[in-house]
Protein backbone atom coordinates (compact mmCIF):
# COMPACT_ATOMS: atom_id res chain seq x y z
CA MET A 1 53.13 -125.62 152.61
CA LEU A 2 55.95 -128.07 153.29
CA LEU A 3 54.16 -130.59 151.11
CA LEU A 4 54.80 -128.28 148.15
CA VAL A 5 58.56 -128.69 148.41
CA LYS A 6 59.80 -129.84 145.03
CA SER A 7 62.37 -132.52 144.46
CA SER A 8 64.24 -130.05 142.29
CA LEU A 9 65.51 -128.33 145.44
CA LEU A 10 67.17 -131.55 146.52
CA LEU A 11 68.88 -131.69 143.18
CA ALA A 12 69.89 -128.07 143.59
CA CYS A 13 71.50 -128.83 146.95
CA LEU A 14 73.53 -131.63 145.42
CA ALA A 15 74.34 -129.47 142.41
CA VAL A 16 75.88 -126.87 144.69
CA ALA A 17 77.82 -129.60 146.45
CA LEU A 18 79.02 -131.11 143.21
CA THR A 19 80.23 -127.89 141.59
CA GLY A 20 82.79 -125.30 142.54
CA CYS A 21 84.74 -124.89 145.77
CA ALA A 22 86.67 -128.11 145.16
CA GLY A 23 90.22 -127.55 146.30
CA LYS A 24 93.03 -129.41 144.54
CA SER A 25 95.53 -129.29 147.38
CA SER A 26 98.65 -131.39 147.00
CA PHE A 27 99.05 -131.66 150.78
CA LEU A 28 95.83 -133.57 151.41
CA PRO A 29 96.25 -136.76 153.45
CA GLU A 30 96.27 -140.08 151.66
CA THR A 31 94.39 -142.05 154.33
CA ARG A 32 90.80 -140.76 154.33
CA THR A 33 89.28 -143.42 152.00
CA THR A 34 86.96 -146.05 153.45
CA ASN A 35 86.19 -149.47 152.00
CA ILE A 36 82.71 -150.23 153.31
CA HIS A 37 81.26 -151.52 150.02
CA ALA A 38 84.41 -152.16 148.01
CA PRO A 39 83.97 -155.32 145.92
CA HIS A 40 86.68 -157.96 146.00
CA ARG A 41 88.92 -157.54 142.97
CA THR A 42 92.29 -158.95 142.09
CA LYS A 43 95.27 -156.62 142.00
CA ASP A 44 95.70 -156.98 138.25
CA ALA A 45 92.00 -156.49 137.39
CA ALA A 46 91.22 -153.79 134.83
CA PRO A 47 90.14 -150.48 136.46
CA LEU A 48 86.42 -149.77 136.58
CA ALA A 49 86.96 -146.04 135.98
CA THR A 50 89.53 -144.02 134.13
CA VAL A 51 91.83 -141.62 135.94
CA GLN A 52 89.94 -138.73 134.33
CA ALA A 53 86.51 -140.01 135.43
CA ALA A 54 87.67 -140.79 138.95
CA SER A 55 89.36 -137.41 139.29
CA ARG A 56 86.28 -135.57 138.01
CA LEU A 57 83.99 -137.32 140.50
CA LEU A 58 86.34 -136.64 143.39
CA ASP A 59 86.83 -133.05 142.30
CA GLN A 60 83.06 -132.57 142.58
CA ALA A 61 82.19 -134.82 145.55
CA THR A 62 85.10 -134.09 147.91
CA PHE A 63 87.21 -131.18 149.03
CA GLY A 64 89.99 -132.29 146.70
CA PRO A 65 91.12 -135.66 145.28
CA THR A 66 94.19 -137.48 146.51
CA LEU A 67 96.14 -140.10 144.59
CA THR A 68 94.90 -142.79 146.96
CA ASP A 69 91.29 -141.69 146.44
CA ILE A 70 91.68 -141.74 142.67
CA GLN A 71 93.11 -145.25 142.73
CA HIS A 72 90.34 -146.37 145.08
CA VAL A 73 87.60 -145.07 142.76
CA GLN A 74 89.32 -146.75 139.81
CA GLN A 75 89.32 -150.00 141.75
CA ILE A 76 85.65 -150.04 142.84
CA GLY A 77 83.90 -147.80 140.26
CA LEU A 78 81.99 -144.51 140.42
CA ALA A 79 78.60 -145.65 141.72
CA PRO A 80 80.06 -147.95 144.42
CA TYR A 81 82.19 -145.06 145.65
CA VAL A 82 79.10 -142.86 146.08
CA ALA A 83 77.28 -145.70 147.86
CA GLU A 84 80.32 -146.19 150.07
CA GLN A 85 80.37 -142.53 150.97
CA ILE A 86 76.65 -142.45 151.79
CA ALA A 87 77.16 -145.40 154.14
CA THR A 88 80.12 -143.77 155.88
CA ALA A 89 79.26 -142.38 159.32
CA PRO A 90 79.44 -138.59 159.62
CA SER A 91 82.55 -137.01 161.11
CA TYR A 92 81.10 -134.34 163.36
CA LEU A 93 82.85 -131.16 164.39
CA ALA A 94 84.30 -131.30 167.88
CA ASP A 95 82.49 -129.36 170.59
CA ILE A 96 84.09 -126.07 171.57
CA MET A 97 84.57 -124.60 175.00
CA VAL A 98 81.96 -122.00 175.88
CA THR A 99 83.78 -118.87 177.04
CA ASP A 100 83.38 -115.12 176.81
CA LYS A 101 86.19 -114.92 174.22
CA VAL A 102 84.19 -114.83 170.98
CA ALA A 103 87.21 -114.53 168.68
CA GLY A 104 88.76 -117.66 170.16
CA GLN A 105 85.54 -119.61 169.64
CA ARG A 106 85.37 -118.54 166.00
CA HIS A 107 88.95 -119.61 165.35
CA GLU A 108 88.34 -122.98 166.99
CA ILE A 109 85.23 -123.60 164.88
CA GLU A 110 87.07 -122.67 161.68
CA SER A 111 90.00 -124.91 162.59
CA ASN A 112 87.70 -127.86 163.28
CA PHE A 113 85.86 -127.32 160.00
CA TYR A 114 89.02 -127.22 157.87
CA PHE A 115 90.46 -130.24 159.65
CA ASN A 116 87.38 -132.31 158.79
CA ALA A 117 87.18 -130.93 155.26
CA LEU A 118 90.75 -132.04 154.56
CA THR A 119 90.98 -135.29 156.52
CA ALA A 120 87.55 -136.81 157.24
CA PRO A 121 86.66 -140.05 155.40
CA ASP A 122 83.02 -138.96 154.81
CA GLN A 123 84.00 -136.48 152.10
CA LEU A 124 80.63 -136.52 150.31
CA ARG A 125 78.81 -135.66 153.54
CA GLN A 126 81.32 -132.92 154.28
CA ARG A 127 80.86 -131.43 150.82
CA VAL A 128 77.04 -131.63 150.81
CA ALA A 129 76.85 -130.19 154.35
CA PHE A 130 78.97 -127.26 153.19
CA ALA A 131 76.63 -126.75 150.22
CA LEU A 132 73.60 -126.86 152.51
CA SER A 133 75.24 -124.24 154.76
CA GLU A 134 75.27 -121.92 151.73
CA ILE A 135 71.48 -122.34 151.45
CA PHE A 136 70.42 -122.65 155.11
CA VAL A 137 72.55 -119.72 156.19
CA VAL A 138 73.26 -118.75 159.80
CA SER A 139 75.94 -116.45 161.17
CA ASP A 140 77.74 -115.96 164.45
CA ALA A 141 77.11 -112.25 163.91
CA ALA A 142 73.52 -112.95 165.00
CA ALA A 143 73.85 -116.28 166.79
CA VAL A 144 76.41 -116.93 169.52
CA PRO A 145 79.46 -118.78 168.15
CA TYR A 146 78.93 -121.96 170.16
CA GLU A 147 75.62 -122.49 168.33
CA ILE A 148 77.42 -122.82 164.97
CA THR A 149 79.05 -126.18 165.69
CA PRO A 150 75.75 -127.95 166.56
CA PHE A 151 74.13 -126.38 163.49
CA HIS A 152 76.85 -127.60 161.13
CA ASN A 153 76.73 -131.05 162.75
CA LEU A 154 72.98 -131.01 162.10
CA LEU A 155 73.68 -130.47 158.40
CA LEU A 156 76.27 -133.25 158.42
CA GLY A 157 73.83 -135.69 159.96
CA ASP A 158 71.02 -134.79 157.56
CA SER A 159 73.18 -134.32 154.45
CA VAL A 160 72.22 -137.60 152.77
CA GLY A 161 68.87 -138.12 154.48
CA ASN A 162 65.27 -136.98 154.17
CA PHE A 163 64.62 -133.36 153.18
CA ARG A 164 61.59 -133.01 155.45
CA THR A 165 63.74 -134.08 158.39
CA LEU A 166 66.35 -131.53 157.36
CA LEU A 167 63.73 -128.75 157.25
CA HIS A 168 62.40 -129.71 160.68
CA ASP A 169 65.86 -129.82 162.25
CA VAL A 170 66.90 -126.52 160.69
CA SER A 171 63.62 -124.86 161.75
CA THR A 172 64.03 -125.93 165.38
CA SER A 173 67.72 -125.13 165.76
CA THR A 174 68.75 -122.34 168.10
CA ALA A 175 71.26 -120.97 165.57
CA MET A 176 68.52 -120.47 162.96
CA GLY A 177 66.15 -119.14 165.60
CA ASP A 178 68.67 -116.51 166.60
CA TYR A 179 69.70 -115.64 163.06
CA LEU A 180 66.15 -115.13 161.74
CA ASN A 181 64.92 -113.72 165.07
CA MET A 182 62.09 -116.18 165.63
CA LEU A 183 63.57 -117.48 168.89
CA ASN A 184 61.53 -116.30 171.87
CA SER A 185 59.18 -114.41 169.54
CA ALA A 186 55.76 -113.73 170.99
CA ALA A 187 52.29 -114.11 169.52
CA PRO A 188 51.03 -110.92 167.85
CA ILE A 189 48.86 -108.59 169.88
CA PRO A 190 45.53 -107.45 168.42
CA GLY A 191 46.04 -105.08 165.53
CA GLN A 192 49.55 -106.29 164.74
CA ILE A 193 50.91 -109.12 162.60
CA ALA A 194 53.14 -111.99 163.64
CA ASN A 195 56.87 -112.02 162.98
CA GLU A 196 56.90 -113.48 159.49
CA ASN A 197 60.66 -113.41 158.90
CA TYR A 198 61.28 -117.15 159.12
CA ALA A 199 58.00 -118.13 157.46
CA ARG A 200 58.93 -116.00 154.45
CA GLU A 201 62.51 -117.30 154.31
CA LEU A 202 61.25 -120.88 154.60
CA MET A 203 59.14 -120.57 151.47
CA GLN A 204 61.14 -118.03 149.49
CA LEU A 205 64.70 -119.30 150.01
CA PHE A 206 64.59 -122.75 151.57
CA THR A 207 61.84 -124.49 149.57
CA ILE A 208 59.47 -123.47 146.79
CA GLY A 209 60.73 -119.99 145.85
CA PRO A 210 58.64 -116.86 145.18
CA ASN A 211 57.38 -117.78 141.67
CA GLN A 212 56.04 -120.93 140.07
CA LEU A 213 58.43 -122.65 137.65
CA ASN A 214 58.09 -124.99 134.72
CA PRO A 215 60.03 -128.30 134.74
CA ASP A 216 62.77 -126.63 132.67
CA GLY A 217 63.20 -123.85 135.24
CA THR A 218 61.45 -121.10 133.28
CA LEU A 219 58.77 -118.96 134.92
CA VAL A 220 55.10 -119.93 134.74
CA LEU A 221 53.27 -116.88 133.36
CA ASP A 222 49.65 -115.79 133.59
CA ALA A 223 47.52 -114.56 130.67
CA ASN A 224 49.16 -111.12 130.92
CA GLY A 225 52.70 -112.50 130.85
CA ASN A 226 53.34 -111.94 134.56
CA PRO A 227 54.99 -114.50 136.88
CA ILE A 228 52.57 -116.45 139.07
CA PRO A 229 53.49 -116.33 142.78
CA THR A 230 53.78 -119.61 144.68
CA TYR A 231 52.28 -118.11 147.84
CA THR A 232 50.41 -115.04 149.07
CA ALA A 233 50.94 -112.69 152.00
CA ASP A 234 47.99 -114.34 153.76
CA GLN A 235 49.67 -117.73 153.41
CA VAL A 236 52.87 -116.32 154.91
CA GLN A 237 50.92 -115.08 157.91
CA ALA A 238 49.07 -118.39 158.23
CA SER A 239 52.35 -120.26 158.13
CA ARG A 240 53.84 -118.02 160.81
CA LEU A 241 50.85 -118.43 163.12
CA HIS A 242 51.08 -122.20 162.86
CA HIS A 243 54.84 -122.31 163.20
CA PRO A 244 55.80 -123.17 166.79
CA ARG A 245 57.28 -120.36 168.85
CA HIS A 246 60.59 -121.68 170.14
CA HIS A 247 62.20 -120.75 173.41
CA TYR A 248 65.35 -121.71 175.25
CA GLN A 249 64.70 -124.35 177.88
CA ARG A 250 65.62 -123.12 181.31
CA ALA A 251 68.44 -125.04 182.95
CA ARG A 252 67.36 -126.95 186.04
CA VAL A 253 69.76 -126.50 188.93
CA ARG A 254 69.53 -128.85 191.91
CA ALA A 255 69.46 -127.18 195.25
């Protein structure tokens, strides 16, 4: 079923990242730009992008443009800036202390997220990872808070990589396992069906969607004008039976 994942979903992920939620804060730092692929240009060379074009790109691909960022994009051009961002190493969220104070853990995670969103040099990764978190949703209401940081770091690491790798990493994460209750799920006993929660979410929300679509996004209809499903209930069950049952690994304590 994973082979049916359409490239349009990848475009959708980037579309979410490149629209909306772009803050225009005047207090953003002026030192987050990197120069990995910046071509050598003289100081008086004509800009490769207008202020308007540079601002629009940064408004979509970052958490808010700064004057330094705008001037940098003008200096190197739009496409080189994107290439530069893709080559920039991810700025991961800092690990949090595992305690029994859940509220404190949540505040620490939020603080770390906003710090990276406003200051990290890998702005495109930060923005795409945030967009992916709106698609591959987990919550500390179901998962323990200290699982959220590794999950978001997973999205950061896979944000500009291979979609199959992203699906594998999301599917085997403890945060997703807790949130969609597949963690420690058992095989069905005779007369019952397997837990199909994640298998259904994987196909319905994360990949191909419930109905077949034309290239322009309109529904594919049968001879009676009804939408054609992309999968059946039997295929959901088959997917669930073949999906590995994940469990926490027991900690080994030396005597």
